[in-house]
Amino acid sequence: MQGESRLYVLNEYAHDYLNSYGLPVKDWEKLTFSTQVLGKEQSEWSVYLKDLGIVGKQASRLVTEAVLLGGAIEQGVDIHLKILSDGAPQFNVLVHALCWIHAERALCRLSGETPQQTQNIEEMQQLLWEYYQQLKAYQQNPDAALKLPLEQDFDQLFGRCFLNYSALTKVLNQFRARKDELLRMLDCPQLPLHNNGSEKVRL
C-alpha cells in the first residue's frame, strides 16, 4: 500500500500460497504461521530467512512471495481482489484471471507437421477469436441470461479432440483446465480480457 512499508507475514494466506506450490517438507517444518510481523524491511526478512536455514534459491523465493502476500493482506488488501495476469505462477493469487492474448499463444506455438494439422490450428485460432468477440460483446452489455450459453460455448469449443493431432488436443485441454480464470469476466464485466496494452490485432 502506498506510503506504507512492506510487511513480511507468514499468515494463513501465506500458508495457502506455499501449499499450492508444494514447498518441500524439509522447509515446511521450519515455518510457523501466525499474524506476527516478521519484518518490515528486506534486510530484516533476509536475516530471518537465513536463521531458519532456508537458503535454497527456489524455496527462498516461494517463501518470500508468500510472506509479501500475507503482509499485503494484513495491510488491508482485499482477499477478493482480482488479479489479471499472463499466467505466470507468482501471480496466481487471490482471485486470478487469465489474459486471453497470452493464453492464445499456446496455439501460436504449435507447428503443424501436415497440411491438415496446419488447417486444424488455423481453424481453432479463428474460432477462438470469434468466441473472444462474443465475450467482448457481453462485457459491453452484460446480461446474466448469456452467462450459461457462453460457458457452454466454451466447453464445446475447447472440448474438441483431434485424434491425429495430440499436441493440439493437449493445448485445448489446458484451456479447459483454466476455464474459471479465462471466464472470470462473466462475473466481473469490468475486468479486462487481456493485459497486453501493446496488442492491437483482433482486440
N, C-alpha and C. Protein backbone atom coordinates (compact mmCIF):
# COMPACT_ATOMS: atom_id res chain seq x y z
N MET A 1 0.85 -1.20 0.00
CA MET A 1 0.00 0.00 0.00
C MET A 1 0.88 1.25 0.00
N GLN A 2 0.53 2.22 -0.79
CA GLN A 2 1.34 3.40 -0.96
C GLN A 2 1.51 4.12 0.37
N GLY A 3 2.80 4.51 0.63
CA GLY A 3 3.08 5.25 1.84
C GLY A 3 3.34 4.37 3.04
N GLU A 4 3.21 3.07 2.89
CA GLU A 4 3.47 2.16 3.99
C GLU A 4 4.61 1.23 3.62
N SER A 5 5.36 0.79 4.62
CA SER A 5 6.44 -0.16 4.36
C SER A 5 5.84 -1.53 4.13
N ARG A 6 6.64 -2.39 3.56
CA ARG A 6 6.19 -3.76 3.37
C ARG A 6 6.14 -4.47 4.71
N LEU A 7 5.25 -5.42 4.79
CA LEU A 7 5.21 -6.30 5.96
C LEU A 7 5.47 -7.72 5.48
N TYR A 8 6.25 -8.44 6.24
CA TYR A 8 6.54 -9.84 5.93
C TYR A 8 5.82 -10.69 6.98
N VAL A 9 4.74 -11.36 6.55
CA VAL A 9 3.89 -12.07 7.50
C VAL A 9 3.57 -13.47 6.98
N LEU A 10 3.83 -14.48 7.80
CA LEU A 10 3.51 -15.87 7.46
C LEU A 10 2.13 -16.21 8.03
N ASN A 11 1.10 -15.64 7.44
CA ASN A 11 -0.25 -15.91 7.93
C ASN A 11 -0.91 -17.02 7.12
N GLU A 12 -2.22 -17.19 7.27
CA GLU A 12 -2.91 -18.29 6.60
C GLU A 12 -2.88 -18.15 5.08
N TYR A 13 -2.82 -16.92 4.59
CA TYR A 13 -2.78 -16.72 3.14
C TYR A 13 -1.40 -17.09 2.59
N ALA A 14 -0.37 -16.80 3.37
CA ALA A 14 0.97 -17.25 3.00
C ALA A 14 1.03 -18.77 3.00
N HIS A 15 0.37 -19.37 4.00
CA HIS A 15 0.31 -20.83 4.09
C HIS A 15 -0.34 -21.42 2.84
N ASP A 16 -1.48 -20.86 2.45
CA ASP A 16 -2.19 -21.38 1.28
C ASP A 16 -1.37 -21.21 0.01
N TYR A 17 -0.66 -20.11 -0.09
CA TYR A 17 0.19 -19.86 -1.26
C TYR A 17 1.27 -20.92 -1.35
N LEU A 18 1.94 -21.17 -0.25
CA LEU A 18 3.02 -22.16 -0.25
C LEU A 18 2.48 -23.56 -0.50
N ASN A 19 1.32 -23.83 0.04
CA ASN A 19 0.71 -25.14 -0.15
C ASN A 19 0.40 -25.40 -1.62
N SER A 20 0.00 -24.35 -2.32
CA SER A 20 -0.36 -24.51 -3.74
C SER A 20 0.86 -24.77 -4.61
N TYR A 21 2.04 -24.43 -4.11
CA TYR A 21 3.26 -24.64 -4.90
C TYR A 21 4.11 -25.78 -4.38
N GLY A 22 3.62 -26.49 -3.38
CA GLY A 22 4.32 -27.68 -2.93
C GLY A 22 5.69 -27.43 -2.34
N LEU A 23 5.77 -26.52 -1.39
CA LEU A 23 7.04 -26.28 -0.71
C LEU A 23 7.53 -27.59 -0.08
N PRO A 24 8.81 -27.94 -0.27
CA PRO A 24 9.33 -29.20 0.29
C PRO A 24 9.09 -29.33 1.79
N VAL A 25 8.85 -30.55 2.23
CA VAL A 25 8.55 -30.80 3.64
C VAL A 25 9.66 -30.29 4.55
N LYS A 26 10.91 -30.45 4.13
CA LYS A 26 12.03 -30.01 4.97
C LYS A 26 11.98 -28.51 5.27
N ASP A 27 11.40 -27.75 4.35
CA ASP A 27 11.26 -26.31 4.57
C ASP A 27 9.97 -25.97 5.32
N TRP A 28 8.90 -26.75 5.06
CA TRP A 28 7.64 -26.56 5.81
C TRP A 28 7.91 -26.65 7.30
N GLU A 29 8.71 -27.63 7.68
CA GLU A 29 8.94 -27.90 9.10
C GLU A 29 9.63 -26.75 9.82
N LYS A 30 10.21 -25.84 9.07
CA LYS A 30 10.92 -24.70 9.67
C LYS A 30 10.03 -23.48 9.86
N LEU A 31 8.81 -23.56 9.34
CA LEU A 31 7.93 -22.40 9.34
C LEU A 31 6.86 -22.47 10.42
N THR A 32 6.55 -21.32 10.98
CA THR A 32 5.45 -21.18 11.93
C THR A 32 4.52 -20.09 11.40
N PHE A 33 3.25 -20.41 11.29
CA PHE A 33 2.30 -19.49 10.68
C PHE A 33 1.47 -18.76 11.73
N SER A 34 1.42 -17.44 11.60
CA SER A 34 0.65 -16.60 12.51
C SER A 34 0.53 -15.22 11.86
N THR A 35 -0.06 -14.28 12.57
CA THR A 35 -0.17 -12.92 12.04
C THR A 35 0.99 -12.04 12.51
N GLN A 36 1.99 -12.65 13.12
CA GLN A 36 3.15 -11.89 13.60
C GLN A 36 3.92 -11.28 12.43
N VAL A 37 4.28 -10.02 12.56
CA VAL A 37 5.11 -9.35 11.55
C VAL A 37 6.56 -9.77 11.76
N LEU A 38 7.13 -10.39 10.74
CA LEU A 38 8.48 -10.92 10.83
C LEU A 38 9.53 -9.94 10.33
N GLY A 39 9.07 -8.85 9.75
CA GLY A 39 10.00 -7.84 9.27
C GLY A 39 9.25 -6.77 8.51
N LYS A 40 9.90 -5.61 8.40
CA LYS A 40 9.33 -4.51 7.63
C LYS A 40 10.27 -4.05 6.54
N GLU A 41 11.45 -4.63 6.53
CA GLU A 41 12.44 -4.33 5.51
C GLU A 41 12.99 -5.64 4.96
N GLN A 42 13.48 -5.58 3.73
CA GLN A 42 14.01 -6.78 3.11
C GLN A 42 15.19 -7.34 3.90
N SER A 43 16.01 -6.44 4.46
CA SER A 43 17.18 -6.89 5.21
C SER A 43 16.75 -7.69 6.45
N GLU A 44 15.68 -7.25 7.12
CA GLU A 44 15.17 -7.98 8.29
C GLU A 44 14.69 -9.37 7.88
N TRP A 45 13.95 -9.41 6.77
CA TRP A 45 13.42 -10.68 6.31
C TRP A 45 14.53 -11.62 5.88
N SER A 46 15.56 -11.09 5.23
CA SER A 46 16.68 -11.92 4.78
C SER A 46 17.38 -12.58 5.95
N VAL A 47 17.54 -11.82 7.03
CA VAL A 47 18.17 -12.38 8.23
C VAL A 47 17.29 -13.47 8.83
N TYR A 48 15.99 -13.21 8.90
CA TYR A 48 15.05 -14.19 9.46
C TYR A 48 15.07 -15.48 8.65
N LEU A 49 15.06 -15.34 7.33
CA LEU A 49 15.06 -16.50 6.44
C LEU A 49 16.35 -17.30 6.60
N LYS A 50 17.45 -16.61 6.71
CA LYS A 50 18.75 -17.28 6.89
C LYS A 50 18.79 -18.01 8.21
N ASP A 51 18.24 -17.39 9.26
CA ASP A 51 18.23 -18.02 10.59
C ASP A 51 17.38 -19.30 10.58
N LEU A 52 16.34 -19.31 9.73
CA LEU A 52 15.52 -20.51 9.61
C LEU A 52 16.25 -21.64 8.91
N GLY A 53 17.28 -21.26 8.16
CA GLY A 53 18.01 -22.27 7.40
C GLY A 53 17.42 -22.54 6.03
N ILE A 54 16.59 -21.61 5.56
CA ILE A 54 16.03 -21.74 4.22
C ILE A 54 16.92 -20.93 3.28
N VAL A 55 17.77 -21.62 2.56
CA VAL A 55 18.78 -20.95 1.74
C VAL A 55 18.68 -21.31 0.26
N GLY A 56 17.90 -22.34 -0.07
CA GLY A 56 17.75 -22.71 -1.47
C GLY A 56 17.09 -21.60 -2.25
N LYS A 57 17.51 -21.38 -3.48
CA LYS A 57 17.00 -20.27 -4.29
C LYS A 57 15.50 -20.34 -4.49
N GLN A 58 15.01 -21.52 -4.90
CA GLN A 58 13.58 -21.64 -5.17
C GLN A 58 12.75 -21.54 -3.90
N ALA A 59 13.19 -22.22 -2.85
CA ALA A 59 12.45 -22.17 -1.59
C ALA A 59 12.42 -20.76 -1.02
N SER A 60 13.54 -20.07 -1.09
CA SER A 60 13.61 -18.69 -0.58
C SER A 60 12.66 -17.78 -1.35
N ARG A 61 12.61 -17.97 -2.67
CA ARG A 61 11.72 -17.16 -3.49
C ARG A 61 10.26 -17.41 -3.14
N LEU A 62 9.88 -18.69 -3.02
CA LEU A 62 8.49 -19.02 -2.72
C LEU A 62 8.06 -18.48 -1.36
N VAL A 63 8.89 -18.67 -0.36
CA VAL A 63 8.54 -18.21 0.98
C VAL A 63 8.46 -16.68 1.02
N THR A 64 9.36 -16.03 0.31
CA THR A 64 9.33 -14.56 0.27
C THR A 64 8.07 -14.06 -0.42
N GLU A 65 7.70 -14.69 -1.53
CA GLU A 65 6.46 -14.30 -2.20
C GLU A 65 5.27 -14.51 -1.26
N ALA A 66 5.30 -15.59 -0.52
CA ALA A 66 4.20 -15.90 0.40
C ALA A 66 4.07 -14.86 1.51
N VAL A 67 5.18 -14.48 2.12
CA VAL A 67 5.10 -13.52 3.23
C VAL A 67 4.73 -12.13 2.74
N LEU A 68 5.12 -11.79 1.52
CA LEU A 68 4.72 -10.49 0.97
C LEU A 68 3.22 -10.45 0.71
N LEU A 69 2.68 -11.58 0.21
CA LEU A 69 1.23 -11.67 0.04
C LEU A 69 0.54 -11.57 1.39
N GLY A 70 1.04 -12.32 2.36
CA GLY A 70 0.47 -12.27 3.71
C GLY A 70 0.51 -10.87 4.28
N GLY A 71 1.64 -10.18 4.09
CA GLY A 71 1.78 -8.83 4.60
C GLY A 71 0.84 -7.85 3.92
N ALA A 72 0.67 -8.01 2.61
CA ALA A 72 -0.23 -7.12 1.87
C ALA A 72 -1.66 -7.26 2.38
N ILE A 73 -2.08 -8.48 2.66
CA ILE A 73 -3.44 -8.70 3.16
C ILE A 73 -3.58 -8.15 4.58
N GLU A 74 -2.55 -8.30 5.38
CA GLU A 74 -2.60 -7.73 6.74
C GLU A 74 -2.70 -6.21 6.69
N GLN A 75 -2.19 -5.61 5.61
CA GLN A 75 -2.25 -4.16 5.47
C GLN A 75 -3.56 -3.68 4.83
N GLY A 76 -4.44 -4.62 4.52
CA GLY A 76 -5.76 -4.21 4.05
C GLY A 76 -6.11 -4.56 2.63
N VAL A 77 -5.21 -5.24 1.90
CA VAL A 77 -5.56 -5.65 0.53
C VAL A 77 -6.72 -6.64 0.60
N ASP A 78 -7.74 -6.41 -0.20
CA ASP A 78 -8.95 -7.24 -0.22
C ASP A 78 -8.61 -8.65 -0.72
N ILE A 79 -9.01 -9.67 0.04
CA ILE A 79 -8.73 -11.04 -0.37
C ILE A 79 -9.51 -11.44 -1.61
N HIS A 80 -10.50 -10.64 -1.98
CA HIS A 80 -11.28 -10.89 -3.20
C HIS A 80 -10.77 -10.08 -4.38
N LEU A 81 -9.63 -9.44 -4.19
CA LEU A 81 -9.04 -8.66 -5.27
C LEU A 81 -8.76 -9.56 -6.46
N LYS A 82 -9.14 -9.09 -7.64
CA LYS A 82 -8.95 -9.86 -8.86
C LYS A 82 -7.62 -9.49 -9.51
N ILE A 83 -6.83 -10.50 -9.82
CA ILE A 83 -5.52 -10.31 -10.42
C ILE A 83 -5.54 -10.87 -11.84
N LEU A 84 -5.34 -10.01 -12.83
CA LEU A 84 -5.27 -10.43 -14.22
C LEU A 84 -3.82 -10.58 -14.61
N SER A 85 -3.43 -11.74 -15.13
CA SER A 85 -2.03 -11.95 -15.46
C SER A 85 -1.87 -12.76 -16.73
N ASP A 86 -0.60 -12.91 -17.13
CA ASP A 86 -0.28 -13.70 -18.32
C ASP A 86 -0.13 -15.19 -18.00
N GLY A 87 -0.41 -15.55 -16.76
CA GLY A 87 -0.33 -16.95 -16.37
C GLY A 87 0.91 -17.31 -15.60
N ALA A 88 1.80 -16.35 -15.36
CA ALA A 88 2.99 -16.62 -14.56
C ALA A 88 2.56 -17.06 -13.17
N PRO A 89 3.15 -18.14 -12.66
CA PRO A 89 2.69 -18.73 -11.40
C PRO A 89 2.62 -17.77 -10.22
N GLN A 90 3.59 -16.84 -10.14
CA GLN A 90 3.62 -15.95 -8.97
C GLN A 90 2.43 -15.01 -8.89
N PHE A 91 1.68 -14.88 -10.01
CA PHE A 91 0.51 -14.01 -9.99
C PHE A 91 -0.78 -14.76 -9.74
N ASN A 92 -0.68 -16.06 -9.59
CA ASN A 92 -1.88 -16.87 -9.37
C ASN A 92 -2.27 -16.81 -7.89
N VAL A 93 -2.71 -15.65 -7.47
CA VAL A 93 -3.08 -15.42 -6.08
C VAL A 93 -4.45 -14.74 -6.02
N LEU A 94 -5.03 -14.77 -4.82
CA LEU A 94 -6.33 -14.17 -4.59
C LEU A 94 -7.31 -14.68 -5.65
N VAL A 95 -8.01 -13.81 -6.36
CA VAL A 95 -8.95 -14.26 -7.40
C VAL A 95 -8.28 -14.01 -8.75
N HIS A 96 -7.76 -15.06 -9.34
CA HIS A 96 -6.92 -14.91 -10.53
C HIS A 96 -7.72 -14.99 -11.82
N ALA A 97 -7.38 -14.11 -12.76
CA ALA A 97 -7.96 -14.13 -14.11
C ALA A 97 -6.82 -14.24 -15.11
N LEU A 98 -7.08 -14.94 -16.20
CA LEU A 98 -6.03 -15.20 -17.18
C LEU A 98 -6.24 -14.37 -18.44
N CYS A 99 -5.17 -13.78 -18.93
CA CYS A 99 -5.18 -12.97 -20.14
C CYS A 99 -5.40 -13.86 -21.37
N TRP A 100 -6.39 -13.52 -22.18
CA TRP A 100 -6.69 -14.31 -23.37
C TRP A 100 -5.58 -14.22 -24.41
N ILE A 101 -4.93 -13.08 -24.52
CA ILE A 101 -3.87 -12.93 -25.52
C ILE A 101 -2.73 -13.89 -25.24
N HIS A 102 -2.33 -13.98 -23.98
CA HIS A 102 -1.24 -14.88 -23.63
C HIS A 102 -1.69 -16.35 -23.72
N ALA A 103 -2.94 -16.61 -23.38
CA ALA A 103 -3.43 -17.98 -23.46
C ALA A 103 -3.43 -18.47 -24.91
N GLU A 104 -3.80 -17.59 -25.84
CA GLU A 104 -3.87 -17.97 -27.26
C GLU A 104 -2.51 -18.31 -27.83
N ARG A 105 -1.45 -17.82 -27.21
CA ARG A 105 -0.11 -18.07 -27.73
C ARG A 105 0.28 -19.53 -27.68
N ALA A 106 -0.41 -20.30 -26.85
CA ALA A 106 -0.15 -21.74 -26.84
C ALA A 106 -0.52 -22.35 -28.19
N LEU A 107 -1.56 -21.81 -28.83
CA LEU A 107 -1.92 -22.25 -30.17
C LEU A 107 -0.90 -21.77 -31.19
N CYS A 108 -0.43 -20.53 -31.01
CA CYS A 108 0.53 -19.96 -31.95
C CYS A 108 1.84 -20.74 -31.96
N ARG A 109 2.18 -21.33 -30.82
CA ARG A 109 3.45 -22.07 -30.73
C ARG A 109 3.39 -23.42 -31.44
N LEU A 110 2.21 -23.87 -31.77
CA LEU A 110 2.09 -25.15 -32.48
C LEU A 110 2.53 -24.99 -33.92
N SER A 111 3.20 -26.01 -34.44
CA SER A 111 3.60 -26.01 -35.85
C SER A 111 3.14 -27.32 -36.46
N GLY A 112 2.09 -27.25 -37.25
CA GLY A 112 1.56 -28.45 -37.85
C GLY A 112 2.56 -29.14 -38.76
N GLU A 113 2.61 -30.45 -38.66
CA GLU A 113 3.55 -31.22 -39.49
C GLU A 113 2.93 -31.65 -40.80
N THR A 114 1.63 -31.48 -40.93
CA THR A 114 0.93 -31.83 -42.17
C THR A 114 -0.01 -30.69 -42.52
N PRO A 115 -0.44 -30.61 -43.78
CA PRO A 115 -1.41 -29.57 -44.15
C PRO A 115 -2.68 -29.64 -43.30
N GLN A 116 -3.13 -30.84 -42.96
CA GLN A 116 -4.33 -30.98 -42.16
C GLN A 116 -4.14 -30.40 -40.76
N GLN A 117 -2.97 -30.67 -40.16
CA GLN A 117 -2.70 -30.14 -38.83
C GLN A 117 -2.62 -28.61 -38.85
N THR A 118 -2.00 -28.09 -39.88
CA THR A 118 -1.92 -26.63 -40.02
C THR A 118 -3.32 -26.03 -40.15
N GLN A 119 -4.16 -26.69 -40.91
CA GLN A 119 -5.54 -26.22 -41.06
C GLN A 119 -6.29 -26.30 -39.73
N ASN A 120 -6.07 -27.36 -38.96
CA ASN A 120 -6.71 -27.50 -37.66
C ASN A 120 -6.33 -26.34 -36.73
N ILE A 121 -5.05 -25.98 -36.74
CA ILE A 121 -4.58 -24.87 -35.90
C ILE A 121 -5.28 -23.58 -36.31
N GLU A 122 -5.28 -23.31 -37.61
CA GLU A 122 -5.87 -22.07 -38.11
C GLU A 122 -7.36 -22.00 -37.80
N GLU A 123 -8.05 -23.11 -37.92
CA GLU A 123 -9.48 -23.14 -37.62
C GLU A 123 -9.73 -22.86 -36.15
N MET A 124 -8.91 -23.46 -35.28
CA MET A 124 -9.09 -23.24 -33.84
C MET A 124 -8.80 -21.79 -33.47
N GLN A 125 -7.79 -21.21 -34.10
CA GLN A 125 -7.49 -19.80 -33.83
C GLN A 125 -8.66 -18.90 -34.26
N GLN A 126 -9.21 -19.18 -35.41
CA GLN A 126 -10.34 -18.41 -35.91
C GLN A 126 -11.54 -18.53 -34.97
N LEU A 127 -11.83 -19.76 -34.55
CA LEU A 127 -12.96 -19.99 -33.64
C LEU A 127 -12.73 -19.32 -32.29
N LEU A 128 -11.48 -19.37 -31.82
CA LEU A 128 -11.14 -18.73 -30.54
C LEU A 128 -11.43 -17.24 -30.61
N TRP A 129 -10.99 -16.59 -31.68
CA TRP A 129 -11.18 -15.14 -31.75
C TRP A 129 -12.63 -14.77 -32.00
N GLU A 130 -13.39 -15.63 -32.64
CA GLU A 130 -14.83 -15.39 -32.77
C GLU A 130 -15.49 -15.46 -31.40
N TYR A 131 -15.07 -16.42 -30.60
CA TYR A 131 -15.61 -16.54 -29.24
C TYR A 131 -15.19 -15.33 -28.39
N TYR A 132 -13.96 -14.91 -28.57
CA TYR A 132 -13.45 -13.74 -27.85
C TYR A 132 -14.33 -12.51 -28.13
N GLN A 133 -14.77 -12.35 -29.36
CA GLN A 133 -15.63 -11.24 -29.71
C GLN A 133 -16.98 -11.34 -28.99
N GLN A 134 -17.45 -12.56 -28.78
CA GLN A 134 -18.69 -12.75 -28.01
C GLN A 134 -18.49 -12.28 -26.57
N LEU A 135 -17.33 -12.58 -26.02
CA LEU A 135 -17.05 -12.14 -24.65
C LEU A 135 -16.97 -10.62 -24.58
N LYS A 136 -16.38 -10.00 -25.59
CA LYS A 136 -16.32 -8.54 -25.63
C LYS A 136 -17.72 -7.93 -25.69
N ALA A 137 -18.58 -8.55 -26.49
CA ALA A 137 -19.95 -8.05 -26.60
C ALA A 137 -20.66 -8.16 -25.25
N TYR A 138 -20.45 -9.26 -24.55
CA TYR A 138 -21.04 -9.44 -23.22
C TYR A 138 -20.49 -8.38 -22.26
N GLN A 139 -19.20 -8.14 -22.36
CA GLN A 139 -18.55 -7.18 -21.47
C GLN A 139 -19.14 -5.78 -21.65
N GLN A 140 -19.46 -5.43 -22.87
CA GLN A 140 -20.02 -4.11 -23.16
C GLN A 140 -21.49 -4.00 -22.79
N ASN A 141 -22.17 -5.15 -22.76
CA ASN A 141 -23.59 -5.15 -22.42
C ASN A 141 -23.92 -6.42 -21.62
N PRO A 142 -23.49 -6.47 -20.35
CA PRO A 142 -23.67 -7.68 -19.55
C PRO A 142 -25.13 -8.10 -19.43
N ASP A 143 -25.35 -9.39 -19.59
CA ASP A 143 -26.70 -9.95 -19.48
C ASP A 143 -26.56 -11.31 -18.81
N ALA A 144 -27.09 -11.43 -17.60
CA ALA A 144 -26.94 -12.67 -16.84
C ALA A 144 -27.46 -13.88 -17.61
N ALA A 145 -28.43 -13.67 -18.49
CA ALA A 145 -29.01 -14.78 -19.25
C ALA A 145 -28.01 -15.36 -20.25
N LEU A 146 -26.95 -14.61 -20.55
CA LEU A 146 -25.97 -15.06 -21.54
C LEU A 146 -24.80 -15.83 -20.91
N LYS A 147 -24.70 -15.79 -19.59
CA LYS A 147 -23.56 -16.42 -18.94
C LYS A 147 -23.50 -17.92 -19.20
N LEU A 148 -24.59 -18.61 -18.98
CA LEU A 148 -24.59 -20.06 -19.17
C LEU A 148 -24.32 -20.44 -20.63
N PRO A 149 -24.95 -19.79 -21.62
CA PRO A 149 -24.63 -20.11 -23.01
C PRO A 149 -23.16 -19.89 -23.35
N LEU A 150 -22.57 -18.83 -22.81
CA LEU A 150 -21.16 -18.57 -23.07
C LEU A 150 -20.27 -19.65 -22.44
N GLU A 151 -20.64 -20.10 -21.24
CA GLU A 151 -19.89 -21.18 -20.60
C GLU A 151 -20.02 -22.47 -21.41
N GLN A 152 -21.21 -22.73 -21.92
CA GLN A 152 -21.43 -23.94 -22.71
C GLN A 152 -20.68 -23.86 -24.04
N ASP A 153 -20.64 -22.68 -24.64
CA ASP A 153 -19.88 -22.50 -25.88
C ASP A 153 -18.39 -22.73 -25.63
N PHE A 154 -17.91 -22.29 -24.48
CA PHE A 154 -16.51 -22.52 -24.12
C PHE A 154 -16.23 -24.02 -24.06
N ASP A 155 -17.11 -24.75 -23.40
CA ASP A 155 -16.92 -26.20 -23.27
C ASP A 155 -16.92 -26.88 -24.63
N GLN A 156 -17.80 -26.44 -25.49
CA GLN A 156 -17.89 -27.04 -26.82
C GLN A 156 -16.64 -26.73 -27.65
N LEU A 157 -16.19 -25.47 -27.57
CA LEU A 157 -15.03 -25.05 -28.35
C LEU A 157 -13.76 -25.76 -27.92
N PHE A 158 -13.51 -25.78 -26.62
CA PHE A 158 -12.24 -26.34 -26.14
C PHE A 158 -12.35 -27.80 -25.72
N GLY A 159 -13.54 -28.36 -25.91
CA GLY A 159 -13.72 -29.78 -25.63
C GLY A 159 -13.45 -30.66 -26.84
N ARG A 160 -12.99 -30.07 -27.92
CA ARG A 160 -12.71 -30.83 -29.12
C ARG A 160 -11.51 -31.75 -28.93
N CYS A 161 -11.54 -32.85 -29.64
CA CYS A 161 -10.45 -33.84 -29.55
C CYS A 161 -9.97 -34.16 -30.96
N PHE A 162 -8.71 -33.91 -31.22
CA PHE A 162 -8.11 -34.20 -32.53
C PHE A 162 -7.29 -35.49 -32.39
N LEU A 163 -7.88 -36.60 -32.83
CA LEU A 163 -7.26 -37.91 -32.63
C LEU A 163 -5.91 -38.02 -33.32
N ASN A 164 -5.73 -37.30 -34.41
CA ASN A 164 -4.48 -37.38 -35.15
C ASN A 164 -3.55 -36.21 -34.89
N TYR A 165 -3.89 -35.44 -33.85
CA TYR A 165 -3.03 -34.30 -33.51
C TYR A 165 -3.09 -34.08 -32.00
N SER A 166 -2.37 -34.90 -31.28
CA SER A 166 -2.42 -34.89 -29.82
C SER A 166 -1.92 -33.58 -29.22
N ALA A 167 -0.98 -32.93 -29.88
CA ALA A 167 -0.44 -31.67 -29.35
C ALA A 167 -1.52 -30.60 -29.30
N LEU A 168 -2.35 -30.56 -30.32
CA LEU A 168 -3.45 -29.58 -30.34
C LEU A 168 -4.48 -29.92 -29.28
N THR A 169 -4.80 -31.18 -29.14
CA THR A 169 -5.75 -31.60 -28.11
C THR A 169 -5.23 -31.24 -26.72
N LYS A 170 -3.93 -31.39 -26.52
CA LYS A 170 -3.33 -31.05 -25.22
C LYS A 170 -3.48 -29.56 -24.91
N VAL A 171 -3.29 -28.71 -25.92
CA VAL A 171 -3.45 -27.27 -25.72
C VAL A 171 -4.90 -26.94 -25.37
N LEU A 172 -5.84 -27.57 -26.06
CA LEU A 172 -7.26 -27.33 -25.76
C LEU A 172 -7.60 -27.78 -24.35
N ASN A 173 -7.00 -28.87 -23.91
CA ASN A 173 -7.22 -29.34 -22.53
C ASN A 173 -6.70 -28.31 -21.53
N GLN A 174 -5.62 -27.62 -21.88
CA GLN A 174 -5.07 -26.59 -21.00
C GLN A 174 -6.05 -25.42 -20.86
N PHE A 175 -6.71 -25.08 -21.96
CA PHE A 175 -7.74 -24.05 -21.88
C PHE A 175 -8.87 -24.50 -20.95
N ARG A 176 -9.30 -25.74 -21.09
CA ARG A 176 -10.39 -26.25 -20.27
C ARG A 176 -10.01 -26.24 -18.79
N ALA A 177 -8.76 -26.58 -18.49
CA ALA A 177 -8.31 -26.62 -17.11
C ALA A 177 -8.32 -25.24 -16.46
N ARG A 178 -8.26 -24.19 -17.28
CA ARG A 178 -8.21 -22.83 -16.74
C ARG A 178 -9.47 -22.04 -17.11
N LYS A 179 -10.54 -22.76 -17.29
CA LYS A 179 -11.80 -22.14 -17.68
C LYS A 179 -12.23 -21.05 -16.72
N ASP A 180 -12.19 -21.31 -15.43
CA ASP A 180 -12.64 -20.32 -14.46
C ASP A 180 -11.86 -19.02 -14.58
N GLU A 181 -10.54 -19.13 -14.79
CA GLU A 181 -9.69 -17.95 -14.89
C GLU A 181 -9.95 -17.18 -16.18
N LEU A 182 -10.21 -17.90 -17.26
CA LEU A 182 -10.46 -17.26 -18.54
C LEU A 182 -11.84 -16.61 -18.60
N LEU A 183 -12.78 -17.13 -17.82
CA LEU A 183 -14.15 -16.60 -17.84
C LEU A 183 -14.48 -15.78 -16.59
N ARG A 184 -13.46 -15.36 -15.88
CA ARG A 184 -13.69 -14.56 -14.67
C ARG A 184 -14.52 -13.32 -14.98
N MET A 185 -14.37 -12.78 -16.18
CA MET A 185 -15.06 -11.56 -16.58
C MET A 185 -16.58 -11.72 -16.60
N LEU A 186 -17.08 -12.95 -16.73
CA LEU A 186 -18.53 -13.13 -16.75
C LEU A 186 -19.17 -12.69 -15.44
N ASP A 187 -18.43 -12.81 -14.35
CA ASP A 187 -18.93 -12.36 -13.05
C ASP A 187 -18.48 -10.96 -12.70
N CYS A 188 -17.52 -10.45 -13.48
CA CYS A 188 -16.98 -9.12 -13.21
C CYS A 188 -16.70 -8.45 -14.55
N PRO A 189 -17.74 -7.95 -15.23
CA PRO A 189 -17.59 -7.42 -16.59
C PRO A 189 -16.55 -6.31 -16.74
N GLN A 190 -16.27 -5.60 -15.66
CA GLN A 190 -15.30 -4.51 -15.76
C GLN A 190 -13.86 -5.03 -15.81
N LEU A 191 -13.67 -6.31 -15.58
CA LEU A 191 -12.34 -6.90 -15.63
C LEU A 191 -11.90 -7.06 -17.08
N PRO A 192 -10.73 -6.56 -17.46
CA PRO A 192 -10.27 -6.69 -18.86
C PRO A 192 -10.10 -8.15 -19.27
N LEU A 193 -10.19 -8.38 -20.57
CA LEU A 193 -9.98 -9.72 -21.11
C LEU A 193 -8.51 -9.99 -21.36
N HIS A 194 -7.70 -8.96 -21.37
CA HIS A 194 -6.26 -9.14 -21.60
C HIS A 194 -5.50 -8.05 -20.87
N ASN A 195 -4.20 -8.26 -20.71
CA ASN A 195 -3.37 -7.26 -20.05
C ASN A 195 -2.20 -6.84 -20.93
N ASN A 196 -2.38 -7.02 -22.23
CA ASN A 196 -1.32 -6.69 -23.17
C ASN A 196 -1.68 -5.40 -23.91
N GLY A 197 -1.24 -4.27 -23.37
CA GLY A 197 -1.59 -2.98 -23.93
C GLY A 197 -1.04 -2.75 -25.32
N SER A 198 0.03 -3.47 -25.69
CA SER A 198 0.65 -3.26 -27.00
C SER A 198 -0.01 -4.09 -28.08
N GLU A 199 -0.88 -5.03 -27.66
CA GLU A 199 -1.52 -5.93 -28.63
C GLU A 199 -2.72 -5.23 -29.25
N LYS A 200 -2.73 -5.13 -30.57
CA LYS A 200 -3.81 -4.44 -31.27
C LYS A 200 -4.63 -5.37 -32.16
N VAL A 201 -4.03 -6.45 -32.58
CA VAL A 201 -4.70 -7.33 -33.53
C VAL A 201 -5.87 -8.05 -32.88
N ARG A 202 -7.02 -8.01 -33.52
CA ARG A 202 -8.20 -8.78 -33.14
C ARG A 202 -8.83 -8.36 -31.83
N LEU A 203 -8.35 -7.32 -31.20
CA LEU A 203 -8.89 -6.96 -29.90
C LEU A 203 -10.15 -6.10 -30.02
